[in-house]
Amino acid sequence: MQLPALQSATLIRRYKRFLADIELPTGDIMTIHCANTGAMTGCGEKGDTIWYSHSDSQTRKYPHSWELTQLEKWTTLLYQYASF
């Protein structure tokens, strides 16, 4: 399995279980999809560096997805990446 191309951003907040607002390095704010519906204790705090991917799917309301959180070690949000 290969990870999609990822870009970094700073987490502003996560809300409604599936959404997160992030700040891009350019200063722009964007809402992205978060597939993990759990509490994400310790890996979804304001100011965390997160990594997100882009999907070209025309049917997605939010074309970007939160994939990883950069802490002292990498934390994945999706179980299919757990073996990396």
PDB file of N, CA and C in Angstrom:
ATOM      1  N   MET A   1       0.840  -1.169   0.000  1.00  0.00           N
ATOM      2  CA  MET A   1       0.000   0.000   0.000  1.00  0.00           C
ATOM      3  C   MET A   1       0.887   1.234   0.000  1.00  0.00           C
ATOM      4  N   GLN A   2       0.498   2.221  -0.783  1.00  0.00           N
ATOM      5  CA  GLN A   2       1.254   3.455  -0.869  1.00  0.00           C
ATOM      6  C   GLN A   2       0.399   4.611  -0.361  1.00  0.00           C
ATOM      7  N   LEU A   3       0.982   5.476   0.440  1.00  0.00           N
ATOM      8  CA  LEU A   3       0.262   6.648   0.927  1.00  0.00           C
ATOM      9  C   LEU A   3       0.011   7.623  -0.220  1.00  0.00           C
ATOM     10  N   PRO A   4      -1.103   8.356  -0.163  1.00  0.00           N
ATOM     11  CA  PRO A   4      -1.338   9.392  -1.174  1.00  0.00           C
ATOM     12  C   PRO A   4      -0.372  10.555  -0.949  1.00  0.00           C
ATOM     13  N   ALA A   5      -0.265  11.451  -1.925  1.00  0.00           N
ATOM     14  CA  ALA A   5       0.552  12.654  -1.750  1.00  0.00           C
ATOM     15  C   ALA A   5      -0.038  13.469  -0.610  1.00  0.00           C
ATOM     16  N   LEU A   6       0.806  13.882   0.324  1.00  0.00           N
ATOM     17  CA  LEU A   6       0.327  14.583   1.514  1.00  0.00           C
ATOM     18  C   LEU A   6       0.895  15.989   1.593  1.00  0.00           C
ATOM     19  N   GLN A   7       0.105  16.874   2.193  1.00  0.00           N
ATOM     20  CA  GLN A   7       0.525  18.245   2.455  1.00  0.00           C
ATOM     21  C   GLN A   7       0.300  18.534   3.931  1.00  0.00           C
ATOM     22  N   SER A   8       1.107  19.403   4.508  1.00  0.00           N
ATOM     23  CA  SER A   8       0.986  19.694   5.934  1.00  0.00           C
ATOM     24  C   SER A   8       0.164  20.951   6.171  1.00  0.00           C
ATOM     25  N   ALA A   9      -0.396  21.032   7.375  1.00  0.00           N
ATOM     26  CA  ALA A   9      -1.176  22.191   7.809  1.00  0.00           C
ATOM     27  C   ALA A   9      -1.235  22.176   9.330  1.00  0.00           C
ATOM     28  N   THR A  10      -1.769  23.235   9.893  1.00  0.00           N
ATOM     29  CA  THR A  10      -1.927  23.338  11.345  1.00  0.00           C
ATOM     30  C   THR A  10      -3.397  23.199  11.697  1.00  0.00           C
ATOM     31  N   LEU A  11      -3.685  22.332  12.646  1.00  0.00           N
ATOM     32  CA  LEU A  11      -5.060  22.105  13.064  1.00  0.00           C
ATOM     33  C   LEU A  11      -5.578  23.296  13.864  1.00  0.00           C
ATOM     34  N   ILE A  12      -6.749  23.790  13.477  1.00  0.00           N
ATOM     35  CA  ILE A  12      -7.419  24.847  14.225  1.00  0.00           C
ATOM     36  C   ILE A  12      -8.432  24.225  15.173  1.00  0.00           C
ATOM     37  N   ARG A  13      -9.304  23.368  14.628  1.00  0.00           N
ATOM     38  CA  ARG A  13     -10.281  22.676  15.462  1.00  0.00           C
ATOM     39  C   ARG A  13     -10.896  21.521  14.695  1.00  0.00           C
ATOM     40  N   ARG A  14     -11.408  20.550  15.446  1.00  0.00           N
ATOM     41  CA  ARG A  14     -12.157  19.421  14.890  1.00  0.00           C
ATOM     42  C   ARG A  14     -13.559  19.494  15.466  1.00  0.00           C
ATOM     43  N   TYR A  15     -14.574  19.282  14.640  1.00  0.00           N
ATOM     44  CA  TYR A  15     -15.958  19.410  15.093  1.00  0.00           C
ATOM     45  C   TYR A  15     -16.880  18.520  14.279  1.00  0.00           C
ATOM     46  N   LYS A  16     -18.079  18.313  14.789  1.00  0.00           N
ATOM     47  CA  LYS A  16     -19.098  17.475  14.139  1.00  0.00           C
ATOM     48  C   LYS A  16     -18.558  16.102  13.743  1.00  0.00           C
ATOM     49  N   ARG A  17     -17.632  15.570  14.503  1.00  0.00           N
ATOM     50  CA  ARG A  17     -17.035  14.244  14.308  1.00  0.00           C
ATOM     51  C   ARG A  17     -16.286  14.078  13.001  1.00  0.00           C
ATOM     52  N   PHE A  18     -16.779  14.599  11.903  1.00  0.00           N
ATOM     53  CA  PHE A  18     -16.177  14.331  10.593  1.00  0.00           C
ATOM     54  C   PHE A  18     -15.456  15.518   9.966  1.00  0.00           C
ATOM     55  N   LEU A  19     -15.429  16.677  10.609  1.00  0.00           N
ATOM     56  CA  LEU A  19     -14.856  17.868   9.987  1.00  0.00           C
ATOM     57  C   LEU A  19     -13.746  18.469  10.840  1.00  0.00           C
ATOM     58  N   ALA A  20     -12.813  19.128  10.160  1.00  0.00           N
ATOM     59  CA  ALA A  20     -11.740  19.835  10.851  1.00  0.00           C
ATOM     60  C   ALA A  20     -11.394  21.081  10.039  1.00  0.00           C
ATOM     61  N   ASP A  21     -11.112  22.164  10.748  1.00  0.00           N
ATOM     62  CA  ASP A  21     -10.611  23.379  10.118  1.00  0.00           C
ATOM     63  C   ASP A  21      -9.104  23.392  10.294  1.00  0.00           C
ATOM     64  N   ILE A  22      -8.398  23.718   9.212  1.00  0.00           N
ATOM     65  CA  ILE A  22      -6.939  23.756   9.243  1.00  0.00           C
ATOM     66  C   ILE A  22      -6.447  25.073   8.655  1.00  0.00           C
ATOM     67  N   GLU A  23      -5.234  25.437   9.049  1.00  0.00           N
ATOM     68  CA  GLU A  23      -4.581  26.606   8.472  1.00  0.00           C
ATOM     69  C   GLU A  23      -3.419  26.136   7.618  1.00  0.00           C
ATOM     70  N   LEU A  24      -3.428  26.519   6.363  1.00  0.00           N
ATOM     71  CA  LEU A  24      -2.370  26.149   5.434  1.00  0.00           C
ATOM     72  C   LEU A  24      -1.142  27.026   5.666  1.00  0.00           C
ATOM     73  N   PRO A  25       0.026  26.624   5.178  1.00  0.00           N
ATOM     74  CA  PRO A  25       1.228  27.448   5.331  1.00  0.00           C
ATOM     75  C   PRO A  25       1.079  28.848   4.723  1.00  0.00           C
ATOM     76  N   THR A  26       0.165  28.997   3.780  1.00  0.00           N
ATOM     77  CA  THR A  26      -0.083  30.297   3.149  1.00  0.00           C
ATOM     78  C   THR A  26      -0.933  31.205   4.022  1.00  0.00           C
ATOM     79  N   GLY A  27      -1.510  30.646   5.108  1.00  0.00           N
ATOM     80  CA  GLY A  27      -2.398  31.407   5.978  1.00  0.00           C
ATOM     81  C   GLY A  27      -3.870  31.211   5.663  1.00  0.00           C
ATOM     82  N   ASP A  28      -4.173  30.535   4.547  1.00  0.00           N
ATOM     83  CA  ASP A  28      -5.563  30.247   4.183  1.00  0.00           C
ATOM     84  C   ASP A  28      -6.155  29.227   5.142  1.00  0.00           C
ATOM     85  N   ILE A  29      -7.460  29.318   5.369  1.00  0.00           N
ATOM     86  CA  ILE A  29      -8.192  28.386   6.221  1.00  0.00           C
ATOM     87  C   ILE A  29      -9.015  27.468   5.318  1.00  0.00           C
ATOM     88  N   MET A  30      -9.048  26.173   5.647  1.00  0.00           N
ATOM     89  CA  MET A  30      -9.778  25.203   4.841  1.00  0.00           C
ATOM     90  C   MET A  30     -10.451  24.189   5.764  1.00  0.00           C
ATOM     91  N   THR A  31     -11.632  23.724   5.377  1.00  0.00           N
ATOM     92  CA  THR A  31     -12.328  22.650   6.084  1.00  0.00           C
ATOM     93  C   THR A  31     -12.052  21.342   5.358  1.00  0.00           C
ATOM     94  N   ILE A  32     -11.668  20.316   6.122  1.00  0.00           N
ATOM     95  CA  ILE A  32     -11.359  19.010   5.539  1.00  0.00           C
ATOM     96  C   ILE A  32     -12.157  17.924   6.244  1.00  0.00           C
ATOM     97  N   HIS A  33     -12.205  16.754   5.618  1.00  0.00           N
ATOM     98  CA  HIS A  33     -12.909  15.589   6.158  1.00  0.00           C
ATOM     99  C   HIS A  33     -12.003  14.832   7.125  1.00  0.00           C
ATOM    100  N   CYS A  34     -12.582  14.348   8.210  1.00  0.00           N
ATOM    101  CA  CYS A  34     -11.876  13.506   9.175  1.00  0.00           C
ATOM    102  C   CYS A  34     -12.624  12.189   9.283  1.00  0.00           C
ATOM    103  N   ALA A  35     -12.008  11.114   8.832  1.00  0.00           N
ATOM    104  CA  ALA A  35     -12.689   9.815   8.794  1.00  0.00           C
ATOM    105  C   ALA A  35     -12.796   9.156  10.159  1.00  0.00           C
ATOM    106  N   ASN A  36     -11.984   9.558  11.109  1.00  0.00           N
ATOM    107  CA  ASN A  36     -11.980   8.945  12.434  1.00  0.00           C
ATOM    108  C   ASN A  36     -13.051   9.604  13.299  1.00  0.00           C
ATOM    109  N   THR A  37     -14.047   8.845  13.724  1.00  0.00           N
ATOM    110  CA  THR A  37     -15.141   9.401  14.521  1.00  0.00           C
ATOM    111  C   THR A  37     -14.899   9.299  16.017  1.00  0.00           C
ATOM    112  N   GLY A  38     -13.768   8.723  16.409  1.00  0.00           N
ATOM    113  CA  GLY A  38     -13.470   8.552  17.833  1.00  0.00           C
ATOM    114  C   GLY A  38     -13.011   9.846  18.486  1.00  0.00           C
ATOM    115  N   ALA A  39     -12.670   9.760  19.754  1.00  0.00           N
ATOM    116  CA  ALA A  39     -12.275  10.936  20.525  1.00  0.00           C
ATOM    117  C   ALA A  39     -10.954  11.542  20.046  1.00  0.00           C
ATOM    118  N   MET A  40     -10.058  10.721  19.516  1.00  0.00           N
ATOM    119  CA  MET A  40      -8.748  11.164  19.045  1.00  0.00           C
ATOM    120  C   MET A  40      -7.972  11.895  20.146  1.00  0.00           C
ATOM    121  N   THR A  41      -8.114  11.459  21.367  1.00  0.00           N
ATOM    122  CA  THR A  41      -7.449  12.082  22.501  1.00  0.00           C
ATOM    123  C   THR A  41      -5.939  12.117  22.276  1.00  0.00           C
ATOM    124  N   GLY A  42      -5.379  13.296  22.336  1.00  0.00           N
ATOM    125  CA  GLY A  42      -3.941  13.460  22.188  1.00  0.00           C
ATOM    126  C   GLY A  42      -3.444  13.568  20.765  1.00  0.00           C
ATOM    127  N   CYS A  43      -4.291  13.386  19.774  1.00  0.00           N
ATOM    128  CA  CYS A  43      -3.813  13.487  18.385  1.00  0.00           C
ATOM    129  C   CYS A  43      -4.701  14.386  17.536  1.00  0.00           C
ATOM    130  N   GLY A  44      -5.457  15.240  18.187  1.00  0.00           N
ATOM    131  CA  GLY A  44      -6.297  16.173  17.459  1.00  0.00           C
ATOM    132  C   GLY A  44      -6.444  17.479  18.215  1.00  0.00           C
ATOM    133  N   GLU A  45      -5.320  17.975  18.746  1.00  0.00           N
ATOM    134  CA  GLU A  45      -5.341  19.185  19.557  1.00  0.00           C
ATOM    135  C   GLU A  45      -5.035  20.411  18.702  1.00  0.00           C
ATOM    136  N   LYS A  46      -5.601  21.549  19.076  1.00  0.00           N
ATOM    137  CA  LYS A  46      -5.342  22.796  18.374  1.00  0.00           C
ATOM    138  C   LYS A  46      -3.838  23.039  18.313  1.00  0.00           C
ATOM    139  N   GLY A  47      -3.354  23.386  17.127  1.00  0.00           N
ATOM    140  CA  GLY A  47      -1.931  23.654  16.932  1.00  0.00           C
ATOM    141  C   GLY A  47      -1.122  22.468  16.461  1.00  0.00           C
ATOM    142  N   ASP A  48      -1.706  21.260  16.489  1.00  0.00           N
ATOM    143  CA  ASP A  48      -1.001  20.076  15.988  1.00  0.00           C
ATOM    144  C   ASP A  48      -0.717  20.221  14.496  1.00  0.00           C
ATOM    145  N   THR A  49       0.414  19.682  14.061  1.00  0.00           N
ATOM    146  CA  THR A  49       0.703  19.606  12.630  1.00  0.00           C
ATOM    147  C   THR A  49       0.016  18.363  12.094  1.00  0.00           C
ATOM    148  N   ILE A  50      -0.818  18.555  11.096  1.00  0.00           N
ATOM    149  CA  ILE A  50      -1.500  17.417  10.481  1.00  0.00           C
ATOM    150  C   ILE A  50      -1.088  17.347   9.012  1.00  0.00           C
ATOM    151  N   TRP A  51      -1.309  16.190   8.424  1.00  0.00           N
ATOM    152  CA  TRP A  51      -1.020  15.967   7.016  1.00  0.00           C
ATOM    153  C   TRP A  51      -2.303  15.509   6.354  1.00  0.00           C
ATOM    154  N   TYR A  52      -2.613  16.082   5.209  1.00  0.00           N
ATOM    155  CA  TYR A  52      -3.878  15.784   4.536  1.00  0.00           C
ATOM    156  C   TYR A  52      -3.634  15.443   3.066  1.00  0.00           C
ATOM    157  N   SER A  53      -4.608  14.747   2.497  1.00  0.00           N
ATOM    158  CA  SER A  53      -4.536  14.356   1.088  1.00  0.00           C
ATOM    159  C   SER A  53      -5.658  15.045   0.311  1.00  0.00           C
ATOM    160  N   HIS A  54      -5.559  14.984  -1.002  1.00  0.00           N
ATOM    161  CA  HIS A  54      -6.571  15.554  -1.897  1.00  0.00           C
ATOM    162  C   HIS A  54      -7.143  14.452  -2.769  1.00  0.00           C
ATOM    163  N   SER A  55      -8.462  14.482  -2.967  1.00  0.00           N
ATOM    164  CA  SER A  55      -9.133  13.533  -3.854  1.00  0.00           C
ATOM    165  C   SER A  55      -9.730  14.296  -5.033  1.00  0.00           C
ATOM    166  N   ASP A  56      -9.596  13.736  -6.218  1.00  0.00           N
ATOM    167  CA  ASP A  56     -10.169  14.355  -7.414  1.00  0.00           C
ATOM    168  C   ASP A  56     -11.626  13.966  -7.640  1.00  0.00           C
ATOM    169  N   SER A  57     -12.213  13.202  -6.740  1.00  0.00           N
ATOM    170  CA  SER A  57     -13.592  12.755  -6.891  1.00  0.00           C
ATOM    171  C   SER A  57     -14.546  13.942  -6.949  1.00  0.00           C
ATOM    172  N   GLN A  58     -15.400  13.951  -7.947  1.00  0.00           N
ATOM    173  CA  GLN A  58     -16.378  15.025  -8.125  1.00  0.00           C
ATOM    174  C   GLN A  58     -17.570  14.892  -7.178  1.00  0.00           C
ATOM    175  N   THR A  59     -17.716  13.740  -6.538  1.00  0.00           N
ATOM    176  CA  THR A  59     -18.876  13.507  -5.671  1.00  0.00           C
ATOM    177  C   THR A  59     -18.609  13.875  -4.204  1.00  0.00           C
ATOM    178  N   ARG A  60     -17.390  14.178  -3.868  1.00  0.00           N
ATOM    179  CA  ARG A  60     -17.054  14.516  -2.479  1.00  0.00           C
ATOM    180  C   ARG A  60     -17.370  15.971  -2.174  1.00  0.00           C
ATOM    181  N   LYS A  61     -18.012  16.198  -1.046  1.00  0.00           N
ATOM    182  CA  LYS A  61     -18.295  17.566  -0.619  1.00  0.00           C
ATOM    183  C   LYS A  61     -17.016  18.234  -0.133  1.00  0.00           C
ATOM    184  N   TYR A  62     -16.173  17.487   0.576  1.00  0.00           N
ATOM    185  CA  TYR A  62     -14.889  17.975   1.062  1.00  0.00           C
ATOM    186  C   TYR A  62     -13.793  17.147   0.390  1.00  0.00           C
ATOM    187  N   PRO A  63     -13.089  17.710  -0.571  1.00  0.00           N
ATOM    188  CA  PRO A  63     -12.115  16.924  -1.349  1.00  0.00           C
ATOM    189  C   PRO A  63     -10.827  16.593  -0.608  1.00  0.00           C
ATOM    190  N   HIS A  64     -10.611  17.173   0.575  1.00  0.00           N
ATOM    191  CA  HIS A  64      -9.378  16.920   1.325  1.00  0.00           C
ATOM    192  C   HIS A  64      -9.676  16.067   2.551  1.00  0.00           C
ATOM    193  N   SER A  65      -8.742  15.159   2.887  1.00  0.00           N
ATOM    194  CA  SER A  65      -8.908  14.254   4.030  1.00  0.00           C
ATOM    195  C   SER A  65      -7.697  14.311   4.945  1.00  0.00           C
ATOM    196  N   TRP A  66      -7.960  14.375   6.233  1.00  0.00           N
ATOM    197  CA  TRP A  66      -6.924  14.334   7.263  1.00  0.00           C
ATOM    198  C   TRP A  66      -6.409  12.903   7.327  1.00  0.00           C
ATOM    199  N   GLU A  67      -5.108  12.713   7.110  1.00  0.00           N
ATOM    200  CA  GLU A  67      -4.519  11.382   7.063  1.00  0.00           C
ATOM    201  C   GLU A  67      -3.645  11.069   8.286  1.00  0.00           C
ATOM    202  N   LEU A  68      -2.806  12.013   8.696  1.00  0.00           N
ATOM    203  CA  LEU A  68      -1.832  11.782   9.762  1.00  0.00           C
ATOM    204  C   LEU A  68      -1.736  12.988  10.690  1.00  0.00           C
ATOM    205  N   THR A  69      -1.316  12.724  11.917  1.00  0.00           N
ATOM    206  CA  THR A  69      -0.971  13.785  12.851  1.00  0.00           C
ATOM    207  C   THR A  69       0.495  13.607  13.220  1.00  0.00           C
ATOM    208  N   GLN A  70       1.245  14.680  13.180  1.00  0.00           N
ATOM    209  CA  GLN A  70       2.659  14.619  13.523  1.00  0.00           C
ATOM    210  C   GLN A  70       2.825  15.016  14.985  1.00  0.00           C
ATOM    211  N   LEU A  71       3.166  14.040  15.819  1.00  0.00           N
ATOM    212  CA  LEU A  71       3.449  14.272  17.225  1.00  0.00           C
ATOM    213  C   LEU A  71       4.926  13.934  17.433  1.00  0.00           C
ATOM    214  N   GLU A  72       5.291  13.428  18.594  1.00  0.00           N
ATOM    215  CA  GLU A  72       6.669  12.965  18.754  1.00  0.00           C
ATOM    216  C   GLU A  72       6.940  11.808  17.797  1.00  0.00           C
ATOM    217  N   LYS A  73       5.908  11.000  17.580  1.00  0.00           N
ATOM    218  CA  LYS A  73       5.932   9.949  16.571  1.00  0.00           C
ATOM    219  C   LYS A  73       4.735  10.195  15.673  1.00  0.00           C
ATOM    220  N   TRP A  74       4.711   9.577  14.514  1.00  0.00           N
ATOM    221  CA  TRP A  74       3.582   9.727  13.595  1.00  0.00           C
ATOM    222  C   TRP A  74       2.378   8.976  14.138  1.00  0.00           C
ATOM    223  N   THR A  75       1.205   9.563  13.999  1.00  0.00           N
ATOM    224  CA  THR A  75      -0.042   8.920  14.390  1.00  0.00           C
ATOM    225  C   THR A  75      -0.963   8.900  13.182  1.00  0.00           C
ATOM    226  N   THR A  76      -1.415   7.723  12.803  1.00  0.00           N
ATOM    227  CA  THR A  76      -2.333   7.611  11.683  1.00  0.00           C
ATOM    228  C   THR A  76      -3.769   7.611  12.180  1.00  0.00           C
ATOM    229  N   LEU A  77      -4.670   8.166  11.393  1.00  0.00           N
ATOM    230  CA  LEU A  77      -6.067   8.191  11.744  1.00  0.00           C
ATOM    231  C   LEU A  77      -6.839   7.034  11.129  1.00  0.00           C
ATOM    232  N   LEU A  78      -6.249   6.390  10.154  1.00  0.00           N
ATOM    233  CA  LEU A  78      -6.949   5.353   9.419  1.00  0.00           C
ATOM    234  C   LEU A  78      -6.276   4.002   9.623  1.00  0.00           C
ATOM    235  N   TYR A  79      -7.056   3.003   9.941  1.00  0.00           N
ATOM    236  CA  TYR A  79      -6.526   1.687  10.280  1.00  0.00           C
ATOM    237  C   TYR A  79      -5.730   1.068   9.141  1.00  0.00           C
ATOM    238  N   GLN A  80      -6.031   1.371   7.887  1.00  0.00           N
ATOM    239  CA  GLN A  80      -5.323   0.721   6.787  1.00  0.00           C
ATOM    240  C   GLN A  80      -3.875   1.165   6.687  1.00  0.00           C
ATOM    241  N   TYR A  81      -3.494   2.265   7.351  1.00  0.00           N
ATOM    242  CA  TYR A  81      -2.111   2.717   7.349  1.00  0.00           C
ATOM    243  C   TYR A  81      -1.349   2.246   8.585  1.00  0.00           C
ATOM    244  N   ALA A  82      -1.972   1.538   9.469  1.00  0.00           N
ATOM    245  CA  ALA A  82      -1.377   1.173  10.758  1.00  0.00           C
ATOM    246  C   ALA A  82      -0.121   0.322  10.610  1.00  0.00           C
ATOM    247  N   SER A  83       0.050  -0.389   9.507  1.00  0.00           N
ATOM    248  CA  SER A  83       1.194  -1.267   9.355  1.00  0.00           C
ATOM    249  C   SER A  83       2.419  -0.552   8.801  1.00  0.00           C
ATOM    250  N   PHE A  84       2.342   0.738   8.519  1.00  0.00           N
ATOM    251  CA  PHE A  84       3.503   1.463   8.002  1.00  0.00           C
ATOM    252  C   PHE A  84       4.496   1.757   9.083  1.00  0.00           C
TER     253      PHE A  84
END
